[in-house]
Each structure stands twice: as C-alpha cells, then as structure tokens.
Amino acid sequence: MRVSVAGDGGYVVLDVPAGDAAAAPVAEGELGAVVHTNYPGGALEFGPRGWPCLPGASSPRAGSFTIGGGSGDPDVVVQLAGCVRCS
C-alpha cells in the first residue's frame, strides 16, 4: 500500500502490487487541513512485511504527519516496525 498526503490535506491510497502491475486506487479524499510531514513528497509505502518505506525503497523509515497549522507534536507517528500511532 502507498499513502500519499499533499500539503493541502489531499490524500491518495494506492494498492501497489509486486512486479510490473499498475497501482490501483483504494481511497482518496481531503483531510480539511494543511499537513506537514518529514516523508519526502508526503508519501510512504508499506512493504510486504508491513514496514513503512519510501516509495520504491526496501529499507524501513520512520516518520510523522502533523495535521493542521500547529507546530506541536505530530498527530500521526509511523514507527519502523510499521506501527501507526495517532494522537
């Protein structure tokens, strides 16, 4: 699965199969707020083992998303093991 979140709050979830098959849309929408993230391009991909990675990469990468204009703690934290914590 690949999750992409734009800075304006728009998001897209894609099913990214192994091999040459094309990615298929699963969901898309608007969060209704600006989003800040430390994932380049606002995208992360969950590999076959459930680890979060950058799209096309195989090494796990932790990160976070902050929804809204606040500069407080992140609202969504993605840990290396694939656990997602929302506050």
PDB file of N, CA and C in Angstrom:
ATOM      1  N   MET A   1       0.844  -1.173   0.000  1.00  0.00           N
ATOM      2  CA  MET A   1       0.000   0.000   0.000  1.00  0.00           C
ATOM      3  C   MET A   1       0.890   1.236   0.000  1.00  0.00           C
ATOM      4  N   ARG A   2       0.495   2.221  -0.740  1.00  0.00           N
ATOM      5  CA  ARG A   2       1.196   3.512  -0.734  1.00  0.00           C
ATOM      6  C   ARG A   2       0.203   4.581  -0.288  1.00  0.00           C
ATOM      7  N   VAL A   3       0.628   5.405   0.647  1.00  0.00           N
ATOM      8  CA  VAL A   3      -0.181   6.510   1.141  1.00  0.00           C
ATOM      9  C   VAL A   3       0.552   7.793   0.787  1.00  0.00           C
ATOM     10  N   SER A   4      -0.128   8.698   0.093  1.00  0.00           N
ATOM     11  CA  SER A   4       0.444   9.997  -0.254  1.00  0.00           C
ATOM     12  C   SER A   4      -0.460  11.082   0.304  1.00  0.00           C
ATOM     13  N   VAL A   5       0.146  12.039   1.014  1.00  0.00           N
ATOM     14  CA  VAL A   5      -0.611  13.145   1.597  1.00  0.00           C
ATOM     15  C   VAL A   5       0.019  14.443   1.121  1.00  0.00           C
ATOM     16  N   ALA A   6      -0.778  15.267   0.460  1.00  0.00           N
ATOM     17  CA  ALA A   6      -0.295  16.552  -0.038  1.00  0.00           C
ATOM     18  C   ALA A   6      -0.322  17.585   1.080  1.00  0.00           C
ATOM     19  N   GLY A   7       0.436  18.625   0.928  1.00  0.00           N
ATOM     20  CA  GLY A   7       0.500  19.684   1.923  1.00  0.00           C
ATOM     21  C   GLY A   7      -0.836  20.350   2.181  1.00  0.00           C
ATOM     22  N   ASP A   8      -1.739  20.324   1.184  1.00  0.00           N
ATOM     23  CA  ASP A   8      -3.057  20.948   1.376  1.00  0.00           C
ATOM     24  C   ASP A   8      -4.063  20.010   2.036  1.00  0.00           C
ATOM     25  N   GLY A   9      -3.641  18.773   2.373  1.00  0.00           N
ATOM     26  CA  GLY A   9      -4.520  17.832   3.052  1.00  0.00           C
ATOM     27  C   GLY A   9      -5.168  16.797   2.161  1.00  0.00           C
ATOM     28  N   GLY A  10      -4.948  16.882   0.857  1.00  0.00           N
ATOM     29  CA  GLY A  10      -5.479  15.851  -0.041  1.00  0.00           C
ATOM     30  C   GLY A  10      -4.676  14.572   0.117  1.00  0.00           C
ATOM     31  N   TYR A  11      -5.341  13.425   0.076  1.00  0.00           N
ATOM     32  CA  TYR A  11      -4.615  12.158   0.209  1.00  0.00           C
ATOM     33  C   TYR A  11      -5.090  11.141  -0.816  1.00  0.00           C
ATOM     34  N   VAL A  12      -4.199  10.182  -1.115  1.00  0.00           N
ATOM     35  CA  VAL A  12      -4.484   9.083  -2.026  1.00  0.00           C
ATOM     36  C   VAL A  12      -3.875   7.819  -1.428  1.00  0.00           C
ATOM     37  N   VAL A  13      -4.632   6.726  -1.441  1.00  0.00           N
ATOM     38  CA  VAL A  13      -4.145   5.426  -1.007  1.00  0.00           C
ATOM     39  C   VAL A  13      -4.177   4.508  -2.226  1.00  0.00           C
ATOM     40  N   LEU A  14      -3.027   3.884  -2.530  1.00  0.00           N
ATOM     41  CA  LEU A  14      -2.915   3.000  -3.693  1.00  0.00           C
ATOM     42  C   LEU A  14      -2.498   1.598  -3.258  1.00  0.00           C
ATOM     43  N   ASP A  15      -3.041   0.593  -3.931  1.00  0.00           N
ATOM     44  CA  ASP A  15      -2.575  -0.779  -3.766  1.00  0.00           C
ATOM     45  C   ASP A  15      -1.471  -0.963  -4.797  1.00  0.00           C
ATOM     46  N   VAL A  16      -0.241  -1.174  -4.328  1.00  0.00           N
ATOM     47  CA  VAL A  16       0.920  -1.283  -5.199  1.00  0.00           C
ATOM     48  C   VAL A  16       1.357  -2.751  -5.232  1.00  0.00           C
ATOM     49  N   PRO A  17       0.969  -3.495  -6.260  1.00  0.00           N
ATOM     50  CA  PRO A  17       1.331  -4.914  -6.325  1.00  0.00           C
ATOM     51  C   PRO A  17       2.795  -5.118  -6.687  1.00  0.00           C
ATOM     52  N   ALA A  18       3.316  -6.299  -6.371  1.00  0.00           N
ATOM     53  CA  ALA A  18       4.690  -6.638  -6.757  1.00  0.00           C
ATOM     54  C   ALA A  18       4.740  -6.834  -8.271  1.00  0.00           C
ATOM     55  N   GLY A  19       5.895  -6.632  -8.836  1.00  0.00           N
ATOM     56  CA  GLY A  19       6.057  -6.832 -10.274  1.00  0.00           C
ATOM     57  C   GLY A  19       5.705  -5.599 -11.073  1.00  0.00           C
ATOM     58  N   ASP A  20       5.266  -5.820 -12.300  1.00  0.00           N
ATOM     59  CA  ASP A  20       5.007  -4.717 -13.229  1.00  0.00           C
ATOM     60  C   ASP A  20       3.554  -4.261 -13.262  1.00  0.00           C
ATOM     61  N   ALA A  21       2.687  -4.859 -12.448  1.00  0.00           N
ATOM     62  CA  ALA A  21       1.275  -4.472 -12.463  1.00  0.00           C
ATOM     63  C   ALA A  21       1.122  -3.024 -11.986  1.00  0.00           C
ATOM     64  N   ALA A  22       0.128  -2.360 -12.527  1.00  0.00           N
ATOM     65  CA  ALA A  22      -0.114  -0.957 -12.179  1.00  0.00           C
ATOM     66  C   ALA A  22      -0.749  -0.835 -10.802  1.00  0.00           C
ATOM     67  N   ALA A  23      -0.454   0.258 -10.133  1.00  0.00           N
ATOM     68  CA  ALA A  23      -1.057   0.543  -8.836  1.00  0.00           C
ATOM     69  C   ALA A  23      -2.538   0.848  -9.028  1.00  0.00           C
ATOM     70  N   ALA A  24      -3.354   0.366  -8.095  1.00  0.00           N
ATOM     71  CA  ALA A  24      -4.802   0.586  -8.173  1.00  0.00           C
ATOM     72  C   ALA A  24      -5.248   1.485  -7.027  1.00  0.00           C
ATOM     73  N   PRO A  25      -6.052   2.520  -7.316  1.00  0.00           N
ATOM     74  CA  PRO A  25      -6.540   3.398  -6.254  1.00  0.00           C
ATOM     75  C   PRO A  25      -7.460   2.640  -5.291  1.00  0.00           C
ATOM     76  N   VAL A  26      -7.294   2.918  -4.002  1.00  0.00           N
ATOM     77  CA  VAL A  26      -8.137   2.318  -2.964  1.00  0.00           C
ATOM     78  C   VAL A  26      -9.026   3.381  -2.337  1.00  0.00           C
ATOM     79  N   ALA A  27      -8.452   4.553  -2.058  1.00  0.00           N
ATOM     80  CA  ALA A  27      -9.208   5.645  -1.438  1.00  0.00           C
ATOM     81  C   ALA A  27      -8.518   6.966  -1.740  1.00  0.00           C
ATOM     82  N   GLU A  28      -9.303   8.037  -1.715  1.00  0.00           N
ATOM     83  CA  GLU A  28      -8.757   9.382  -1.833  1.00  0.00           C
ATOM     84  C   GLU A  28      -9.732  10.344  -1.190  1.00  0.00           C
ATOM     85  N   GLY A  29      -9.222  11.486  -0.781  1.00  0.00           N
ATOM     86  CA  GLY A  29     -10.092  12.461  -0.148  1.00  0.00           C
ATOM     87  C   GLY A  29      -9.325  13.658   0.360  1.00  0.00           C
ATOM     88  N   GLU A  30      -9.971  14.388   1.240  1.00  0.00           N
ATOM     89  CA  GLU A  30      -9.412  15.611   1.816  1.00  0.00           C
ATOM     90  C   GLU A  30      -9.473  15.531   3.327  1.00  0.00           C
ATOM     91  N   LEU A  31      -8.393  15.931   4.002  1.00  0.00           N
ATOM     92  CA  LEU A  31      -8.378  15.968   5.454  1.00  0.00           C
ATOM     93  C   LEU A  31      -8.945  17.274   5.999  1.00  0.00           C
ATOM     94  N   GLY A  32      -9.059  18.289   5.143  1.00  0.00           N
ATOM     95  CA  GLY A  32      -9.623  19.560   5.571  1.00  0.00           C
ATOM     96  C   GLY A  32      -8.658  20.459   6.329  1.00  0.00           C
ATOM     97  N   ALA A  33      -7.369  20.161   6.259  1.00  0.00           N
ATOM     98  CA  ALA A  33      -6.365  20.980   6.944  1.00  0.00           C
ATOM     99  C   ALA A  33      -5.025  20.788   6.244  1.00  0.00           C
ATOM    100  N   VAL A  34      -4.114  21.719   6.456  1.00  0.00           N
ATOM    101  CA  VAL A  34      -2.768  21.570   5.905  1.00  0.00           C
ATOM    102  C   VAL A  34      -2.052  20.450   6.649  1.00  0.00           C
ATOM    103  N   VAL A  35      -1.094  19.825   5.981  1.00  0.00           N
ATOM    104  CA  VAL A  35      -0.359  18.708   6.571  1.00  0.00           C
ATOM    105  C   VAL A  35       1.139  18.948   6.399  1.00  0.00           C
ATOM    106  N   HIS A  36       1.892  18.731   7.470  1.00  0.00           N
ATOM    107  CA  HIS A  36       3.345  18.806   7.439  1.00  0.00           C
ATOM    108  C   HIS A  36       3.870  17.406   7.720  1.00  0.00           C
ATOM    109  N   THR A  37       4.895  16.983   6.981  1.00  0.00           N
ATOM    110  CA  THR A  37       5.458  15.653   7.185  1.00  0.00           C
ATOM    111  C   THR A  37       6.958  15.672   6.935  1.00  0.00           C
ATOM    112  N   ASN A  38       7.653  14.671   7.480  1.00  0.00           N
ATOM    113  CA  ASN A  38       9.074  14.542   7.182  1.00  0.00           C
ATOM    114  C   ASN A  38       9.318  13.435   6.161  1.00  0.00           C
ATOM    115  N   TYR A  39       8.258  12.928   5.531  1.00  0.00           N
ATOM    116  CA  TYR A  39       8.407  11.988   4.412  1.00  0.00           C
ATOM    117  C   TYR A  39       8.544  12.801   3.124  1.00  0.00           C
ATOM    118  N   PRO A  40       9.637  12.613   2.364  1.00  0.00           N
ATOM    119  CA  PRO A  40       9.805  13.352   1.107  1.00  0.00           C
ATOM    120  C   PRO A  40       8.614  13.128   0.179  1.00  0.00           C
ATOM    121  N   GLY A  41       8.075  14.205  -0.332  1.00  0.00           N
ATOM    122  CA  GLY A  41       6.931  14.116  -1.235  1.00  0.00           C
ATOM    123  C   GLY A  41       5.648  13.720  -0.528  1.00  0.00           C
ATOM    124  N   GLY A  42       5.668  13.618   0.800  1.00  0.00           N
ATOM    125  CA  GLY A  42       4.471  13.271   1.557  1.00  0.00           C
ATOM    126  C   GLY A  42       4.004  11.845   1.345  1.00  0.00           C
ATOM    127  N   ALA A  43       4.887  10.959   0.861  1.00  0.00           N
ATOM    128  CA  ALA A  43       4.463   9.595   0.533  1.00  0.00           C
ATOM    129  C   ALA A  43       5.246   8.552   1.307  1.00  0.00           C
ATOM    130  N   LEU A  44       4.544   7.503   1.712  1.00  0.00           N
ATOM    131  CA  LEU A  44       5.192   6.333   2.281  1.00  0.00           C
ATOM    132  C   LEU A  44       4.496   5.101   1.738  1.00  0.00           C
ATOM    133  N   GLU A  45       5.220   4.010   1.745  1.00  0.00           N
ATOM    134  CA  GLU A  45       4.723   2.757   1.188  1.00  0.00           C
ATOM    135  C   GLU A  45       4.927   1.668   2.236  1.00  0.00           C
ATOM    136  N   PHE A  46       3.913   0.851   2.455  1.00  0.00           N
ATOM    137  CA  PHE A  46       4.045  -0.280   3.367  1.00  0.00           C
ATOM    138  C   PHE A  46       4.374  -1.507   2.533  1.00  0.00           C
ATOM    139  N   GLY A  47       5.563  -2.102   2.782  1.00  0.00           N
ATOM    140  CA  GLY A  47       6.020  -3.254   2.016  1.00  0.00           C
ATOM    141  C   GLY A  47       5.329  -4.536   2.452  1.00  0.00           C
ATOM    142  N   PRO A  48       5.711  -5.670   1.858  1.00  0.00           N
ATOM    143  CA  PRO A  48       5.081  -6.949   2.145  1.00  0.00           C
ATOM    144  C   PRO A  48       5.163  -7.352   3.622  1.00  0.00           C
ATOM    145  N   ARG A  49       6.173  -6.887   4.331  1.00  0.00           N
ATOM    146  CA  ARG A  49       6.304  -7.215   5.759  1.00  0.00           C
ATOM    147  C   ARG A  49       5.625  -6.189   6.658  1.00  0.00           C
ATOM    148  N   GLY A  50       4.999  -5.194   6.058  1.00  0.00           N
ATOM    149  CA  GLY A  50       4.302  -4.174   6.828  1.00  0.00           C
ATOM    150  C   GLY A  50       5.168  -3.021   7.280  1.00  0.00           C
ATOM    151  N   TRP A  51       6.432  -3.002   6.866  1.00  0.00           N
ATOM    152  CA  TRP A  51       7.328  -1.921   7.253  1.00  0.00           C
ATOM    153  C   TRP A  51       7.075  -0.697   6.390  1.00  0.00           C
ATOM    154  N   PRO A  52       7.111   0.497   6.986  1.00  0.00           N
ATOM    155  CA  PRO A  52       6.967   1.713   6.192  1.00  0.00           C
ATOM    156  C   PRO A  52       8.282   2.047   5.491  1.00  0.00           C
ATOM    157  N   CYS A  53       8.210   2.350   4.217  1.00  0.00           N
ATOM    158  CA  CYS A  53       9.389   2.689   3.413  1.00  0.00           C
ATOM    159  C   CYS A  53       9.046   3.879   2.534  1.00  0.00           C
ATOM    160  N   LEU A  54      10.066   4.486   1.985  1.00  0.00           N
ATOM    161  CA  LEU A  54       9.833   5.475   0.938  1.00  0.00           C
ATOM    162  C   LEU A  54       9.404   4.721  -0.308  1.00  0.00           C
ATOM    163  N   PRO A  55       8.578   5.304  -1.168  1.00  0.00           N
ATOM    164  CA  PRO A  55       8.140   4.595  -2.371  1.00  0.00           C
ATOM    165  C   PRO A  55       9.315   4.055  -3.184  1.00  0.00           C
ATOM    166  N   GLY A  56       9.254   2.766  -3.500  1.00  0.00           N
ATOM    167  CA  GLY A  56      10.296   2.121  -4.288  1.00  0.00           C
ATOM    168  C   GLY A  56      11.502   1.667  -3.497  1.00  0.00           C
ATOM    169  N   ALA A  57      11.559   1.939  -2.199  1.00  0.00           N
ATOM    170  CA  ALA A  57      12.696   1.544  -1.365  1.00  0.00           C
ATOM    171  C   ALA A  57      12.331   0.311  -0.544  1.00  0.00           C
ATOM    172  N   SER A  58      13.347  -0.332   0.035  1.00  0.00           N
ATOM    173  CA  SER A  58      13.073  -1.503   0.866  1.00  0.00           C
ATOM    174  C   SER A  58      13.506  -1.319   2.312  1.00  0.00           C
ATOM    175  N   SER A  59      14.243  -0.264   2.622  1.00  0.00           N
ATOM    176  CA  SER A  59      14.681  -0.017   3.994  1.00  0.00           C
ATOM    177  C   SER A  59      13.580   0.703   4.766  1.00  0.00           C
ATOM    178  N   PRO A  60      13.249   0.227   5.982  1.00  0.00           N
ATOM    179  CA  PRO A  60      12.214   0.890   6.775  1.00  0.00           C
ATOM    180  C   PRO A  60      12.596   2.334   7.086  1.00  0.00           C
ATOM    181  N   ARG A  61      11.579   3.187   7.181  1.00  0.00           N
ATOM    182  CA  ARG A  61      11.802   4.596   7.513  1.00  0.00           C
ATOM    183  C   ARG A  61      10.663   5.087   8.385  1.00  0.00           C
ATOM    184  N   ALA A  62      10.994   5.500   9.590  1.00  0.00           N
ATOM    185  CA  ALA A  62      10.002   6.079  10.488  1.00  0.00           C
ATOM    186  C   ALA A  62       9.721   7.511  10.050  1.00  0.00           C
ATOM    187  N   GLY A  63       8.593   8.036  10.465  1.00  0.00           N
ATOM    188  CA  GLY A  63       8.255   9.406  10.124  1.00  0.00           C
ATOM    189  C   GLY A  63       6.994   9.849  10.823  1.00  0.00           C
ATOM    190  N   SER A  64       6.531  11.042  10.471  1.00  0.00           N
ATOM    191  CA  SER A  64       5.333  11.565  11.116  1.00  0.00           C
ATOM    192  C   SER A  64       4.608  12.545  10.207  1.00  0.00           C
ATOM    193  N   PHE A  65       3.349  12.762  10.544  1.00  0.00           N
ATOM    194  CA  PHE A  65       2.490  13.730   9.870  1.00  0.00           C
ATOM    195  C   PHE A  65       1.859  14.610  10.940  1.00  0.00           C
ATOM    196  N   THR A  66       1.882  15.911  10.741  1.00  0.00           N
ATOM    197  CA  THR A  66       1.201  16.850  11.633  1.00  0.00           C
ATOM    198  C   THR A  66       0.074  17.478  10.833  1.00  0.00           C
ATOM    199  N   ILE A  67      -1.133  17.328  11.316  1.00  0.00           N
ATOM    200  CA  ILE A  67      -2.314  17.812  10.604  1.00  0.00           C
ATOM    201  C   ILE A  67      -2.750  19.122  11.233  1.00  0.00           C
ATOM    202  N   GLY A  68      -2.910  20.138  10.405  1.00  0.00           N
ATOM    203  CA  GLY A  68      -3.275  21.471  10.887  1.00  0.00           C
ATOM    204  C   GLY A  68      -2.048  22.359  10.935  1.00  0.00           C
ATOM    205  N   GLY A  69      -2.259  23.604  11.239  1.00  0.00           N
ATOM    206  CA  GLY A  69      -1.177  24.579  11.218  1.00  0.00           C
ATOM    207  C   GLY A  69      -0.324  24.618  12.457  1.00  0.00           C
ATOM    208  N   GLY A  70      -0.672  23.846  13.487  1.00  0.00           N
ATOM    209  CA  GLY A  70       0.082  23.890  14.744  1.00  0.00           C
ATOM    210  C   GLY A  70       1.477  23.328  14.596  1.00  0.00           C
ATOM    211  N   SER A  71       2.339  23.740  15.461  1.00  0.00           N
ATOM    212  CA  SER A  71       3.711  23.249  15.429  1.00  0.00           C
ATOM    213  C   SER A  71       3.976  22.306  16.601  1.00  0.00           C
ATOM    214  N   GLY A  72       2.911  21.755  17.175  1.00  0.00           N
ATOM    215  CA  GLY A  72       3.049  20.859  18.315  1.00  0.00           C
ATOM    216  C   GLY A  72       3.497  19.474  17.881  1.00  0.00           C
ATOM    217  N   ASP A  73       3.242  18.508  18.745  1.00  0.00           N
ATOM    218  CA  ASP A  73       3.619  17.126  18.461  1.00  0.00           C
ATOM    219  C   ASP A  73       2.891  16.605  17.232  1.00  0.00           C
ATOM    220  N   PRO A  74       3.511  15.666  16.516  1.00  0.00           N
ATOM    221  CA  PRO A  74       2.852  15.074  15.348  1.00  0.00           C
ATOM    222  C   PRO A  74       1.548  14.378  15.733  1.00  0.00           C
ATOM    223  N   ASP A  75       0.568  14.399  14.839  1.00  0.00           N
ATOM    224  CA  ASP A  75      -0.708  13.732  15.060  1.00  0.00           C
ATOM    225  C   ASP A  75      -0.636  12.256  14.691  1.00  0.00           C
ATOM    226  N   VAL A  76       0.196  11.917  13.702  1.00  0.00           N
ATOM    227  CA  VAL A  76       0.336  10.535  13.245  1.00  0.00           C
ATOM    228  C   VAL A  76       1.828  10.210  13.207  1.00  0.00           C
ATOM    229  N   VAL A  77       2.225   9.186  13.961  1.00  0.00           N
ATOM    230  CA  VAL A  77       3.620   8.757  14.012  1.00  0.00           C
ATOM    231  C   VAL A  77       3.694   7.353  13.450  1.00  0.00           C
ATOM    232  N   VAL A  78       4.583   7.122  12.478  1.00  0.00           N
ATOM    233  CA  VAL A  78       4.780   5.812  11.869  1.00  0.00           C
ATOM    234  C   VAL A  78       6.124   5.290  12.349  1.00  0.00           C
ATOM    235  N   GLN A  79       6.098   4.183  13.097  1.00  0.00           N
ATOM    236  CA  GLN A  79       7.315   3.624  13.659  1.00  0.00           C
ATOM    237  C   GLN A  79       7.958   2.654  12.671  1.00  0.00           C
ATOM    238  N   LEU A  80       9.242   2.335  12.872  1.00  0.00           N
ATOM    239  CA  LEU A  80       9.976   1.461  11.956  1.00  0.00           C
ATOM    240  C   LEU A  80       9.321   0.103  11.772  1.00  0.00           C
ATOM    241  N   ALA A  81       8.715  -0.435  12.810  1.00  0.00           N
ATOM    242  CA  ALA A  81       8.108  -1.759  12.728  1.00  0.00           C
ATOM    243  C   ALA A  81       6.758  -1.734  12.019  1.00  0.00           C
ATOM    244  N   GLY A  82       6.296  -0.556  11.611  1.00  0.00           N
ATOM    245  CA  GLY A  82       5.028  -0.449  10.911  1.00  0.00           C
ATOM    246  C   GLY A  82       3.862  -0.055  11.795  1.00  0.00           C
ATOM    247  N   CYS A  83       4.092   0.093  13.091  1.00  0.00           N
ATOM    248  CA  CYS A  83       3.043   0.538  14.000  1.00  0.00           C
ATOM    249  C   CYS A  83       2.720   2.003  13.695  1.00  0.00           C
ATOM    250  N   VAL A  84       1.435   2.333  13.669  1.00  0.00           N
ATOM    251  CA  VAL A  84       0.995   3.698  13.419  1.00  0.00           C
ATOM    252  C   VAL A  84       0.278   4.179  14.674  1.00  0.00           C
ATOM    253  N   ARG A  85       0.753   5.297  15.232  1.00  0.00           N
ATOM    254  CA  ARG A  85       0.165   5.858  16.448  1.00  0.00           C
ATOM    255  C   ARG A  85      -0.454   7.206  16.110  1.00  0.00           C
ATOM    256  N   CYS A  86      -1.698   7.395  16.478  1.00  0.00           N
ATOM    257  CA  CYS A  86      -2.398   8.663  16.252  1.00  0.00           C
ATOM    258  C   CYS A  86      -2.698   9.308  17.591  1.00  0.00           C
ATOM    259  N   SER A  87      -2.542  10.626  17.647  1.00  0.00           N
ATOM    260  CA  SER A  87      -2.850  11.330  18.902  1.00  0.00           C
ATOM    261  C   SER A  87      -3.861  12.414  18.653  1.00  0.00           C
TER     262      SER A  87
END
